[in-house]
Each structure stands twice: as structure tokens, then as C-alpha cells.
Amino acid sequence: MLTRINNRKGSAIWVTLGVAIVCAIAAYGALFTAQSAGRRAQFHQERTRARYAAEGGLVWATDQLWSNPRWSAPGGAVVPIGGTNVTITMPACTQPAPACEVRTIQVTVSN
């Protein structure tokens, strides 16, 4: 019986070490999850800001067209919107008035 007790004396340190390793792995997993959630939120915020800036550029271009139906920006008009630069490109209209009613507006967002 004394031999059994002597054999179990070293097992407490192994159990403690195992529990510590499991806790360390769980803490690392929680930290990694929190860090990746922060990165995802930042990406979503940047994407949302770019989308609204692009929509603002479209509104600006539409206002330009309302005030001057022959307006164009073939080289690109850079408009600062919300801390970002929005480049609006629209080819010039070379056709008579009815043919110019439908044109393509391209919007590019950069920092």
C-alpha cells in the first residue's frame, strides 16, 4: 500500500501542468478571436466609408449634370468627400442632345 501512495505523489504536478496548458490554450484562443473581430470591424468600417463616399461622388456628378447636361469629366474630377478622394470619370458627350441622355459615370475612391 505504501508503494501506491509513493507512485501517486508525482501525479499532482502533471495534473496541474495539464490544467495550466489547457488554460493557456483557451486564453490564446480568446485573444485571437478578439483580435480578429477587431480587424473585421475595422475592415467593415473602411468598406462602409468607401461606399458612402462613392455614393456621395455619384450625387455630386448628378448635381453637375442637372446644372449642365453637357458636363463631362473625361480626365477625372477629384472631389474630397468624407476624408477620402473620390475620382469621378465621365466621357464627354459628342452626340446631339437626345443621344446624351444615357452616359456612364465611373467613381473611384482612394485615401
Protein backbone atom coordinates (compact mmCIF):
# COMPACT_ATOMS: atom_id res chain seq x y z
CA MET A 1 0.00 0.00 0.00
CA LEU A 2 2.87 2.39 0.72
CA THR A 3 4.14 1.82 -2.82
CA ARG A 4 0.84 3.00 -4.32
CA ILE A 5 1.00 6.27 -2.38
CA ASN A 6 4.59 6.87 -3.42
CA ASN A 7 3.64 6.33 -7.09
CA ARG A 8 0.83 8.95 -6.87
CA LYS A 9 2.97 11.71 -5.34
CA GLY A 10 4.27 12.90 -8.73
CA SER A 11 0.89 12.83 -10.46
CA ALA A 12 -0.32 16.11 -8.88
CA ILE A 13 2.32 18.12 -10.71
CA TRP A 14 1.30 16.54 -14.04
CA VAL A 15 -2.37 17.29 -13.46
CA THR A 16 -1.52 20.90 -12.52
CA LEU A 17 0.70 21.26 -15.58
CA GLY A 18 -2.05 19.84 -17.83
CA VAL A 19 -4.66 22.24 -16.42
CA ALA A 20 -2.25 25.17 -16.89
CA ILE A 21 -1.63 24.20 -20.52
CA VAL A 22 -5.37 23.89 -21.22
CA CYS A 23 -5.98 27.32 -19.64
CA ALA A 24 -3.15 28.86 -21.70
CA ILE A 25 -4.59 27.44 -24.92
CA ALA A 26 -8.07 28.72 -24.03
CA ALA A 27 -6.68 32.20 -23.25
CA TYR A 28 -4.77 32.27 -26.55
CA GLY A 29 -7.94 31.29 -28.43
CA ALA A 30 -9.95 34.04 -26.75
CA LEU A 31 -7.24 36.62 -27.51
CA PHE A 32 -7.01 35.53 -31.16
CA THR A 33 -10.81 35.69 -31.54
CA ALA A 34 -10.96 39.19 -30.03
CA GLN A 35 -8.12 40.41 -32.24
CA SER A 36 -9.66 39.03 -35.43
CA ALA A 37 -13.06 40.55 -34.53
CA GLY A 38 -11.35 43.94 -34.22
CA ARG A 39 -9.76 43.56 -37.66
CA ARG A 40 -13.09 42.55 -39.17
CA ALA A 41 -14.79 45.59 -37.65
CA GLN A 42 -12.08 47.91 -38.98
CA PHE A 43 -12.39 46.40 -42.49
CA HIS A 44 -16.17 46.77 -42.38
CA GLN A 45 -15.84 50.41 -41.28
CA GLU A 46 -13.42 51.22 -44.11
CA ARG A 47 -15.61 49.47 -46.67
CA THR A 48 -18.71 51.33 -45.46
CA ARG A 49 -16.87 54.67 -45.55
CA ALA A 50 -15.72 53.99 -49.13
CA ARG A 51 -19.21 53.02 -50.23
CA TYR A 52 -20.78 56.19 -48.84
CA ALA A 53 -18.01 58.30 -50.36
CA ALA A 54 -18.67 56.67 -53.75
CA GLU A 55 -22.39 57.33 -53.39
CA GLY A 56 -21.58 60.94 -52.50
CA GLY A 57 -19.49 61.18 -55.67
CA LEU A 58 -22.43 59.94 -57.72
CA VAL A 59 -24.69 62.54 -56.12
CA TRP A 60 -22.11 65.24 -56.86
CA ALA A 61 -21.87 64.13 -60.52
CA THR A 62 -25.67 64.03 -60.79
CA ASP A 63 -25.84 67.60 -59.45
CA GLN A 64 -23.29 68.67 -62.06
CA LEU A 65 -25.41 67.09 -64.78
CA TRP A 66 -28.59 68.76 -63.51
CA SER A 67 -26.98 72.18 -63.71
CA ASN A 68 -25.23 71.46 -67.05
CA PRO A 69 -26.46 68.49 -69.12
CA ARG A 70 -23.34 68.66 -71.34
CA TRP A 71 -20.98 68.38 -68.32
CA SER A 72 -18.24 65.78 -68.58
CA ALA A 73 -15.08 64.74 -66.74
CA PRO A 74 -13.06 62.63 -69.20
CA GLY A 75 -9.79 63.14 -67.27
CA GLY A 76 -11.46 62.61 -63.91
CA ALA A 77 -12.71 65.16 -61.43
CA VAL A 78 -11.29 64.64 -57.92
CA VAL A 79 -13.73 65.55 -55.17
CA PRO A 80 -12.83 65.23 -51.45
CA ILE A 81 -15.71 63.56 -49.63
CA GLY A 82 -15.55 62.42 -46.01
CA GLY A 83 -11.77 62.47 -45.76
CA THR A 84 -11.30 60.41 -48.93
CA ASN A 85 -10.69 61.42 -52.52
CA VAL A 86 -13.38 60.42 -54.96
CA THR A 87 -12.44 60.46 -58.64
CA ILE A 88 -15.40 60.82 -60.98
CA THR A 89 -14.86 59.99 -64.64
CA MET A 90 -17.46 60.54 -67.33
CA PRO A 91 -16.79 60.70 -71.06
CA ALA A 92 -17.76 63.81 -72.98
CA CYS A 93 -20.94 63.74 -74.99
CA THR A 94 -20.22 64.09 -78.71
CA GLN A 95 -23.74 63.28 -79.94
CA PRO A 96 -26.75 65.57 -80.30
CA ALA A 97 -28.87 66.16 -77.17
CA PRO A 98 -31.19 63.11 -77.21
CA ALA A 99 -28.28 60.65 -77.54
CA CYS A 100 -26.55 62.05 -74.47
CA GLU A 101 -29.31 61.19 -72.04
CA VAL A 102 -27.66 57.92 -71.02
CA ARG A 103 -23.98 58.06 -70.07
CA THR A 104 -21.71 56.06 -67.80
CA ILE A 105 -20.30 57.60 -64.61
CA GLN A 106 -17.30 55.84 -63.07
CA VAL A 107 -16.43 56.52 -59.43
CA THR A 108 -13.12 55.53 -57.78
CA VAL A 109 -12.42 56.01 -54.05
CA SER A 110 -8.90 56.43 -52.63
CA ASN A 111 -7.38 57.72 -49.40
